[in-house]
């Protein structure tokens, strides 16, 4: 499994997503959209918007949160086959 996480340091939802991954020992590679040339453009090209965090799991783009509602713990727990931890 290859997991990329598009994020930014200032993003609260990104920190929450990375905390979830760390709590479940799910390995990932972080791509900071502000420090990595072309990263923000890749997010827009693949999702149609500049919305982070974004997971790219084995080439499939996944938005792990709902704007204004937060991280999708139940859905992501099911996707990764782990117990829910909030």
PDB file of N, CA and C in Angstrom:
ATOM      1  N   UNK A   1       0.844  -1.177   0.000  1.00  0.00           N
ATOM      2  CA  UNK A   1       0.000   0.000   0.000  1.00  0.00           C
ATOM      3  C   UNK A   1       0.889   1.241   0.000  1.00  0.00           C
ATOM      4  N   UNK A   2       0.609   2.156  -0.902  1.00  0.00           N
ATOM      5  CA  UNK A   2       1.303   3.437  -0.924  1.00  0.00           C
ATOM      6  C   UNK A   2       0.293   4.532  -0.620  1.00  0.00           C
ATOM      7  N   UNK A   3       0.590   5.327   0.405  1.00  0.00           N
ATOM      8  CA  UNK A   3      -0.295   6.413   0.801  1.00  0.00           C
ATOM      9  C   UNK A   3       0.474   7.723   0.778  1.00  0.00           C
ATOM     10  N   UNK A   4      -0.040   8.672   0.004  1.00  0.00           N
ATOM     11  CA  UNK A   4       0.478  10.035  -0.012  1.00  0.00           C
ATOM     12  C   UNK A   4      -0.546  10.910   0.687  1.00  0.00           C
ATOM     13  N   UNK A   5      -0.071  11.892   1.456  1.00  0.00           N
ATOM     14  CA  UNK A   5      -0.962  12.830   2.131  1.00  0.00           C
ATOM     15  C   UNK A   5      -0.561  14.235   1.708  1.00  0.00           C
ATOM     16  N   UNK A   6      -1.432  14.888   0.965  1.00  0.00           N
ATOM     17  CA  UNK A   6      -1.217  16.282   0.576  1.00  0.00           C
ATOM     18  C   UNK A   6      -1.746  17.146   1.708  1.00  0.00           C
ATOM     19  N   UNK A   7      -0.887  18.032   2.216  1.00  0.00           N
ATOM     20  CA  UNK A   7      -1.247  18.817   3.399  1.00  0.00           C
ATOM     21  C   UNK A   7      -0.482  20.125   3.428  1.00  0.00           C
ATOM     22  N   UNK A   8      -0.705  20.897   4.489  1.00  0.00           N
ATOM     23  CA  UNK A   8       0.044  22.127   4.764  1.00  0.00           C
ATOM     24  C   UNK A   8       0.135  22.272   6.280  1.00  0.00           C
ATOM     25  N   UNK A   9       1.186  22.917   6.746  1.00  0.00           N
ATOM     26  CA  UNK A   9       1.417  23.075   8.185  1.00  0.00           C
ATOM     27  C   UNK A   9       0.292  23.813   8.907  1.00  0.00           C
ATOM     28  N   UNK A  10      -0.336  24.775   8.245  1.00  0.00           N
ATOM     29  CA  UNK A  10      -1.364  25.595   8.877  1.00  0.00           C
ATOM     30  C   UNK A  10      -2.739  24.921   8.925  1.00  0.00           C
ATOM     31  N   UNK A  11      -2.883  23.780   8.285  1.00  0.00           N
ATOM     32  CA  UNK A  11      -4.179  23.130   8.102  1.00  0.00           C
ATOM     33  C   UNK A  11      -4.552  22.238   9.285  1.00  0.00           C
ATOM     34  N   UNK A  12      -5.594  22.626  10.019  1.00  0.00           N
ATOM     35  CA  UNK A  12      -6.057  21.864  11.181  1.00  0.00           C
ATOM     36  C   UNK A  12      -6.563  20.483  10.775  1.00  0.00           C
ATOM     37  N   UNK A  13      -7.319  20.400   9.694  1.00  0.00           N
ATOM     38  CA  UNK A  13      -7.820  19.103   9.230  1.00  0.00           C
ATOM     39  C   UNK A  13      -6.678  18.187   8.818  1.00  0.00           C
ATOM     40  N   UNK A  14      -5.601  18.759   8.286  1.00  0.00           N
ATOM     41  CA  UNK A  14      -4.424  17.966   7.911  1.00  0.00           C
ATOM     42  C   UNK A  14      -3.772  17.364   9.154  1.00  0.00           C
ATOM     43  N   UNK A  15      -3.632  18.158  10.194  1.00  0.00           N
ATOM     44  CA  UNK A  15      -3.043  17.656  11.438  1.00  0.00           C
ATOM     45  C   UNK A  15      -3.888  16.526  12.017  1.00  0.00           C
ATOM     46  N   UNK A  16      -5.196  16.684  11.949  1.00  0.00           N
ATOM     47  CA  UNK A  16      -6.098  15.654  12.454  1.00  0.00           C
ATOM     48  C   UNK A  16      -5.965  14.361  11.637  1.00  0.00           C
ATOM     49  N   UNK A  17      -5.874  14.494  10.323  1.00  0.00           N
ATOM     50  CA  UNK A  17      -5.720  13.322   9.451  1.00  0.00           C
ATOM     51  C   UNK A  17      -4.403  12.603   9.732  1.00  0.00           C
ATOM     52  N   UNK A  18      -3.324  13.353   9.881  1.00  0.00           N
ATOM     53  CA  UNK A  18      -2.021  12.743  10.154  1.00  0.00           C
ATOM     54  C   UNK A  18      -1.986  12.108  11.543  1.00  0.00           C
ATOM     55  N   UNK A  19      -2.691  12.702  12.499  1.00  0.00           N
ATOM     56  CA  UNK A  19      -2.779  12.126  13.837  1.00  0.00           C
ATOM     57  C   UNK A  19      -3.496  10.766  13.770  1.00  0.00           C
ATOM     58  N   UNK A  20      -4.564  10.686  13.004  1.00  0.00           N
ATOM     59  CA  UNK A  20      -5.283   9.427  12.812  1.00  0.00           C
ATOM     60  C   UNK A  20      -4.356   8.360  12.223  1.00  0.00           C
ATOM     61  N   UNK A  21      -3.621   8.725  11.192  1.00  0.00           N
ATOM     62  CA  UNK A  21      -2.711   7.767  10.555  1.00  0.00           C
ATOM     63  C   UNK A  21      -1.630   7.315  11.537  1.00  0.00           C
ATOM     64  N   UNK A  22      -1.074   8.242  12.296  1.00  0.00           N
ATOM     65  CA  UNK A  22      -0.037   7.901  13.263  1.00  0.00           C
ATOM     66  C   UNK A  22      -0.572   7.004  14.374  1.00  0.00           C
ATOM     67  N   UNK A  23      -1.774   7.293  14.871  1.00  0.00           N
ATOM     68  CA  UNK A  23      -2.370   6.492  15.935  1.00  0.00           C
ATOM     69  C   UNK A  23      -2.552   5.039  15.510  1.00  0.00           C
ATOM     70  N   UNK A  24      -2.748   4.827  14.224  1.00  0.00           N
ATOM     71  CA  UNK A  24      -2.973   3.478  13.714  1.00  0.00           C
ATOM     72  C   UNK A  24      -1.747   2.903  13.009  1.00  0.00           C
ATOM     73  N   UNK A  25      -0.607   3.582  13.161  1.00  0.00           N
ATOM     74  CA  UNK A  25       0.661   3.133  12.566  1.00  0.00           C
ATOM     75  C   UNK A  25       0.518   2.862  11.072  1.00  0.00           C
ATOM     76  N   UNK A  26      -0.207   3.743  10.394  1.00  0.00           N
ATOM     77  CA  UNK A  26      -0.363   3.642   8.942  1.00  0.00           C
ATOM     78  C   UNK A  26       0.723   4.502   8.308  1.00  0.00           C
ATOM     79  N   UNK A  27       1.642   3.873   7.575  1.00  0.00           N
ATOM     80  CA  UNK A  27       2.734   4.644   6.968  1.00  0.00           C
ATOM     81  C   UNK A  27       2.235   5.503   5.809  1.00  0.00           C
ATOM     82  N   UNK A  28       2.817   6.694   5.706  1.00  0.00           N
ATOM     83  CA  UNK A  28       2.442   7.597   4.619  1.00  0.00           C
ATOM     84  C   UNK A  28       3.607   8.517   4.295  1.00  0.00           C
ATOM     85  N   UNK A  29       3.523   9.102   3.119  1.00  0.00           N
ATOM     86  CA  UNK A  29       4.476  10.121   2.700  1.00  0.00           C
ATOM     87  C   UNK A  29       3.718  11.425   2.623  1.00  0.00           C
ATOM     88  N   UNK A  30       4.212  12.426   3.335  1.00  0.00           N
ATOM     89  CA  UNK A  30       3.551  13.732   3.341  1.00  0.00           C
ATOM     90  C   UNK A  30       4.089  14.607   2.223  1.00  0.00           C
ATOM     91  N   UNK A  31       3.173  15.289   1.544  1.00  0.00           N
ATOM     92  CA  UNK A  31       3.541  16.250   0.510  1.00  0.00           C
ATOM     93  C   UNK A  31       2.953  17.594   0.913  1.00  0.00           C
ATOM     94  N   UNK A  32       3.817  18.507   1.319  1.00  0.00           N
ATOM     95  CA  UNK A  32       3.400  19.851   1.730  1.00  0.00           C
ATOM     96  C   UNK A  32       3.121  20.663   0.471  1.00  0.00           C
ATOM     97  N   UNK A  33       1.876  21.100   0.305  1.00  0.00           N
ATOM     98  CA  UNK A  33       1.515  21.794  -0.937  1.00  0.00           C
ATOM     99  C   UNK A  33       2.182  23.159  -1.070  1.00  0.00           C
ATOM    100  N   UNK A  34       2.697  23.703   0.037  1.00  0.00           N
ATOM    101  CA  UNK A  34       3.356  24.996  -0.039  1.00  0.00           C
ATOM    102  C   UNK A  34       4.861  24.867  -0.242  1.00  0.00           C
ATOM    103  N   UNK A  35       5.423  23.727   0.093  1.00  0.00           N
ATOM    104  CA  UNK A  35       6.871  23.536  -0.019  1.00  0.00           C
ATOM    105  C   UNK A  35       7.278  22.681  -1.220  1.00  0.00           C
ATOM    106  N   UNK A  36       6.332  21.985  -1.817  1.00  0.00           N
ATOM    107  CA  UNK A  36       6.633  21.084  -2.926  1.00  0.00           C
ATOM    108  C   UNK A  36       6.116  21.688  -4.225  1.00  0.00           C
ATOM    109  N   UNK A  37       7.025  22.084  -5.120  1.00  0.00           N
ATOM    110  CA  UNK A  37       6.591  22.674  -6.386  1.00  0.00           C
ATOM    111  C   UNK A  37       5.633  21.746  -7.141  1.00  0.00           C
ATOM    112  N   UNK A  38       4.519  22.319  -7.571  1.00  0.00           N
ATOM    113  CA  UNK A  38       3.540  21.582  -8.351  1.00  0.00           C
ATOM    114  C   UNK A  38       2.533  20.799  -7.536  1.00  0.00           C
ATOM    115  N   UNK A  39       2.722  20.699  -6.224  1.00  0.00           N
ATOM    116  CA  UNK A  39       1.829  19.889  -5.394  1.00  0.00           C
ATOM    117  C   UNK A  39       0.415  20.471  -5.345  1.00  0.00           C
ATOM    118  N   UNK A  40       0.291  21.773  -5.158  1.00  0.00           N
ATOM    119  CA  UNK A  40      -1.040  22.388  -5.118  1.00  0.00           C
ATOM    120  C   UNK A  40      -1.732  22.216  -6.459  1.00  0.00           C
ATOM    121  N   UNK A  41      -0.979  22.341  -7.536  1.00  0.00           N
ATOM    122  CA  UNK A  41      -1.552  22.139  -8.873  1.00  0.00           C
ATOM    123  C   UNK A  41      -2.025  20.700  -9.056  1.00  0.00           C
ATOM    124  N   UNK A  42      -1.309  19.732  -8.489  1.00  0.00           N
ATOM    125  CA  UNK A  42      -1.708  18.325  -8.587  1.00  0.00           C
ATOM    126  C   UNK A  42      -3.031  18.096  -7.852  1.00  0.00           C
ATOM    127  N   UNK A  43      -3.190  18.740  -6.694  1.00  0.00           N
ATOM    128  CA  UNK A  43      -4.442  18.616  -5.947  1.00  0.00           C
ATOM    129  C   UNK A  43      -5.596  19.159  -6.793  1.00  0.00           C
ATOM    130  N   UNK A  44      -5.419  20.333  -7.345  1.00  0.00           N
ATOM    131  CA  UNK A  44      -6.469  20.953  -8.156  1.00  0.00           C
ATOM    132  C   UNK A  44      -6.770  20.106  -9.390  1.00  0.00           C
ATOM    133  N   UNK A  45      -5.732  19.621 -10.056  1.00  0.00           N
ATOM    134  CA  UNK A  45      -5.918  18.822 -11.266  1.00  0.00           C
ATOM    135  C   UNK A  45      -6.676  17.525 -10.995  1.00  0.00           C
ATOM    136  N   UNK A  46      -6.487  16.949  -9.813  1.00  0.00           N
ATOM    137  CA  UNK A  46      -7.104  15.662  -9.510  1.00  0.00           C
ATOM    138  C   UNK A  46      -8.429  15.754  -8.755  1.00  0.00           C
ATOM    139  N   UNK A  47      -8.678  16.892  -8.109  1.00  0.00           N
ATOM    140  CA  UNK A  47      -9.908  17.020  -7.320  1.00  0.00           C
ATOM    141  C   UNK A  47     -10.814  18.138  -7.808  1.00  0.00           C
ATOM    142  N   UNK A  48     -10.267  19.040  -8.615  1.00  0.00           N
ATOM    143  CA  UNK A  48     -11.049  20.165  -9.091  1.00  0.00           C
ATOM    144  C   UNK A  48     -11.114  21.326  -8.116  1.00  0.00           C
ATOM    145  N   UNK A  49     -10.372  21.219  -6.997  1.00  0.00           N
ATOM    146  CA  UNK A  49     -10.385  22.285  -5.998  1.00  0.00           C
ATOM    147  C   UNK A  49      -9.097  22.228  -5.188  1.00  0.00           C
ATOM    148  N   UNK A  50      -8.797  23.314  -4.502  1.00  0.00           N
ATOM    149  CA  UNK A  50      -7.632  23.347  -3.617  1.00  0.00           C
ATOM    150  C   UNK A  50      -8.115  23.028  -2.212  1.00  0.00           C
ATOM    151  N   UNK A  51      -8.294  21.749  -1.972  1.00  0.00           N
ATOM    152  CA  UNK A  51      -8.826  21.285  -0.696  1.00  0.00           C
ATOM    153  C   UNK A  51      -7.877  20.256  -0.106  1.00  0.00           C
ATOM    154  N   UNK A  52      -7.428  20.523   1.101  1.00  0.00           N
ATOM    155  CA  UNK A  52      -6.539  19.590   1.788  1.00  0.00           C
ATOM    156  C   UNK A  52      -7.109  19.324   3.173  1.00  0.00           C
ATOM    157  N   UNK A  53      -6.814  18.187   3.752  1.00  0.00           N
ATOM    158  CA  UNK A  53      -5.911  17.152   3.276  1.00  0.00           C
ATOM    159  C   UNK A  53      -6.545  16.322   2.160  1.00  0.00           C
ATOM    160  N   UNK A  54      -5.674  15.707   1.392  1.00  0.00           N
ATOM    161  CA  UNK A  54      -6.071  14.727   0.389  1.00  0.00           C
ATOM    162  C   UNK A  54      -5.197  13.507   0.588  1.00  0.00           C
ATOM    163  N   UNK A  55      -5.810  12.339   0.539  1.00  0.00           N
ATOM    164  CA  UNK A  55      -5.070  11.087   0.550  1.00  0.00           C
ATOM    165  C   UNK A  55      -5.014  10.575  -0.881  1.00  0.00           C
ATOM    166  N   UNK A  56      -3.881  10.012  -1.252  1.00  0.00           N
ATOM    167  CA  UNK A  56      -3.781   9.293  -2.517  1.00  0.00           C
ATOM    168  C   UNK A  56      -3.341   7.885  -2.142  1.00  0.00           C
ATOM    169  N   UNK A  57      -4.286   6.970  -2.182  1.00  0.00           N
ATOM    170  CA  UNK A  57      -4.057   5.594  -1.772  1.00  0.00           C
ATOM    171  C   UNK A  57      -3.941   4.722  -3.014  1.00  0.00           C
ATOM    172  N   UNK A  58      -2.722   4.237  -3.251  1.00  0.00           N
ATOM    173  CA  UNK A  58      -2.459   3.415  -4.432  1.00  0.00           C
ATOM    174  C   UNK A  58      -3.002   4.069  -5.700  1.00  0.00           C
ATOM    175  N   UNK A  59      -2.795   5.380  -5.814  1.00  0.00           N
ATOM    176  CA  UNK A  59      -3.190   6.131  -7.002  1.00  0.00           C
ATOM    177  C   UNK A  59      -4.605   6.680  -6.982  1.00  0.00           C
ATOM    178  N   UNK A  60      -5.403   6.342  -5.980  1.00  0.00           N
ATOM    179  CA  UNK A  60      -6.791   6.809  -5.881  1.00  0.00           C
ATOM    180  C   UNK A  60      -6.878   7.994  -4.924  1.00  0.00           C
ATOM    181  N   UNK A  61      -7.417   9.105  -5.418  1.00  0.00           N
ATOM    182  CA  UNK A  61      -7.557  10.314  -4.599  1.00  0.00           C
ATOM    183  C   UNK A  61      -8.776  10.196  -3.697  1.00  0.00           C
ATOM    184  N   UNK A  62      -8.579  10.533  -2.404  1.00  0.00           N
ATOM    185  CA  UNK A  62      -9.628  10.414  -1.396  1.00  0.00           C
ATOM    186  C   UNK A  62      -9.600  11.662  -0.523  1.00  0.00           C
ATOM    187  N   UNK A  63     -10.752  12.290  -0.351  1.00  0.00           N
ATOM    188  CA  UNK A  63     -10.847  13.421   0.571  1.00  0.00           C
ATOM    189  C   UNK A  63     -11.306  12.867   1.913  1.00  0.00           C
ATOM    190  N   UNK A  64     -10.428  12.862   2.934  1.00  0.00           N
ATOM    191  CA  UNK A  64     -10.743  12.204   4.203  1.00  0.00           C
ATOM    192  C   UNK A  64     -11.511  13.061   5.209  1.00  0.00           C
ATOM    193  N   UNK A  65     -12.147  14.099   4.760  1.00  0.00           N
ATOM    194  CA  UNK A  65     -12.889  14.971   5.664  1.00  0.00           C
ATOM    195  C   UNK A  65     -14.040  15.619   4.899  1.00  0.00           C
ATOM    196  N   UNK A  66     -14.982  16.156   5.653  1.00  0.00           N
ATOM    197  CA  UNK A  66     -16.071  16.941   5.085  1.00  0.00           C
ATOM    198  C   UNK A  66     -15.858  18.381   5.536  1.00  0.00           C
ATOM    199  N   UNK A  67     -15.777  19.328   4.591  1.00  0.00           N
ATOM    200  CA  UNK A  67     -15.574  20.720   4.982  1.00  0.00           C
ATOM    201  C   UNK A  67     -16.616  21.171   6.015  1.00  0.00           C
ATOM    202  N   UNK A  68     -16.127  21.775   7.069  1.00  0.00           N
ATOM    203  CA  UNK A  68     -16.984  22.271   8.131  1.00  0.00           C
ATOM    204  C   UNK A  68     -17.420  21.211   9.137  1.00  0.00           C
ATOM    205  N   UNK A  69     -17.177  19.938   8.827  1.00  0.00           N
ATOM    206  CA  UNK A  69     -17.582  18.867   9.733  1.00  0.00           C
ATOM    207  C   UNK A  69     -16.401  18.053  10.248  1.00  0.00           C
ATOM    208  N   UNK A  70     -15.258  18.131   9.574  1.00  0.00           N
ATOM    209  CA  UNK A  70     -14.058  17.477  10.070  1.00  0.00           C
ATOM    210  C   UNK A  70     -13.733  16.132   9.449  1.00  0.00           C
ATOM    211  N   UNK A  71     -12.799  15.456  10.086  1.00  0.00           N
ATOM    212  CA  UNK A  71     -12.255  14.191   9.601  1.00  0.00           C
ATOM    213  C   UNK A  71     -13.311  13.087   9.623  1.00  0.00           C
ATOM    214  N   UNK A  72     -13.295  12.246   8.610  1.00  0.00           N
ATOM    215  CA  UNK A  72     -14.257  11.147   8.474  1.00  0.00           C
ATOM    216  C   UNK A  72     -13.704   9.897   9.154  1.00  0.00           C
ATOM    217  N   UNK A  73     -13.764   9.875  10.492  1.00  0.00           N
ATOM    218  CA  UNK A  73     -13.175   8.771  11.257  1.00  0.00           C
ATOM    219  C   UNK A  73     -13.755   7.411  10.864  1.00  0.00           C
ATOM    220  N   UNK A  74     -15.061   7.314  10.810  1.00  0.00           N
ATOM    221  CA  UNK A  74     -15.701   6.028  10.524  1.00  0.00           C
ATOM    222  C   UNK A  74     -15.313   5.514   9.133  1.00  0.00           C
ATOM    223  N   UNK A  75     -15.410   6.377   8.129  1.00  0.00           N
ATOM    224  CA  UNK A  75     -15.096   5.982   6.757  1.00  0.00           C
ATOM    225  C   UNK A  75     -13.623   5.622   6.591  1.00  0.00           C
ATOM    226  N   UNK A  76     -12.735   6.405   7.198  1.00  0.00           N
ATOM    227  CA  UNK A  76     -11.306   6.136   7.062  1.00  0.00           C
ATOM    228  C   UNK A  76     -10.908   4.895   7.860  1.00  0.00           C
ATOM    229  N   UNK A  77     -11.547   4.675   9.011  1.00  0.00           N
ATOM    230  CA  UNK A  77     -11.276   3.466   9.787  1.00  0.00           C
ATOM    231  C   UNK A  77     -11.648   2.228   8.969  1.00  0.00           C
ATOM    232  N   UNK A  78     -12.791   2.293   8.294  1.00  0.00           N
ATOM    233  CA  UNK A  78     -13.229   1.184   7.452  1.00  0.00           C
ATOM    234  C   UNK A  78     -12.286   1.005   6.255  1.00  0.00           C
ATOM    235  N   UNK A  79     -11.916   2.102   5.619  1.00  0.00           N
ATOM    236  CA  UNK A  79     -11.023   2.046   4.457  1.00  0.00           C
ATOM    237  C   UNK A  79      -9.696   1.371   4.796  1.00  0.00           C
ATOM    238  N   UNK A  80      -9.130   1.728   5.963  1.00  0.00           N
ATOM    239  CA  UNK A  80      -7.820   1.199   6.345  1.00  0.00           C
ATOM    240  C   UNK A  80      -7.910  -0.056   7.222  1.00  0.00           C
ATOM    241  N   UNK A  81      -9.124  -0.460   7.554  1.00  0.00           N
ATOM    242  CA  UNK A  81      -9.305  -1.678   8.347  1.00  0.00           C
ATOM    243  C   UNK A  81      -8.793  -1.556   9.767  1.00  0.00           C
ATOM    244  N   UNK A  82      -9.058  -0.408  10.385  1.00  0.00           N
ATOM    245  CA  UNK A  82      -8.596  -0.155  11.753  1.00  0.00           C
ATOM    246  C   UNK A  82      -9.785   0.253  12.626  1.00  0.00           C
ATOM    247  N   UNK A  83      -9.589   0.201  13.939  1.00  0.00           N
ATOM    248  CA  UNK A  83     -10.611   0.647  14.873  1.00  0.00           C
ATOM    249  C   UNK A  83     -10.696   2.156  14.870  1.00  0.00           C
ATOM    250  N   UNK A  84     -11.872   2.685  15.150  1.00  0.00           N
ATOM    251  CA  UNK A  84     -12.087   4.128  15.193  1.00  0.00           C
ATOM    252  C   UNK A  84     -11.405   4.730  16.409  1.00  0.00           C
ATOM    253  N   UNK A  85     -10.630   5.803  16.197  1.00  0.00           N
ATOM    254  CA  UNK A  85     -10.007   6.545  17.281  1.00  0.00           C
ATOM    255  C   UNK A  85     -10.214   8.023  17.010  1.00  0.00           C
ATOM    256  N   UNK A  86     -10.919   8.700  17.872  1.00  0.00           N
ATOM    257  CA  UNK A  86     -11.175  10.121  17.684  1.00  0.00           C
ATOM    258  C   UNK A  86     -10.262  10.945  18.553  1.00  0.00           C
TER     259      UNK A  86
END
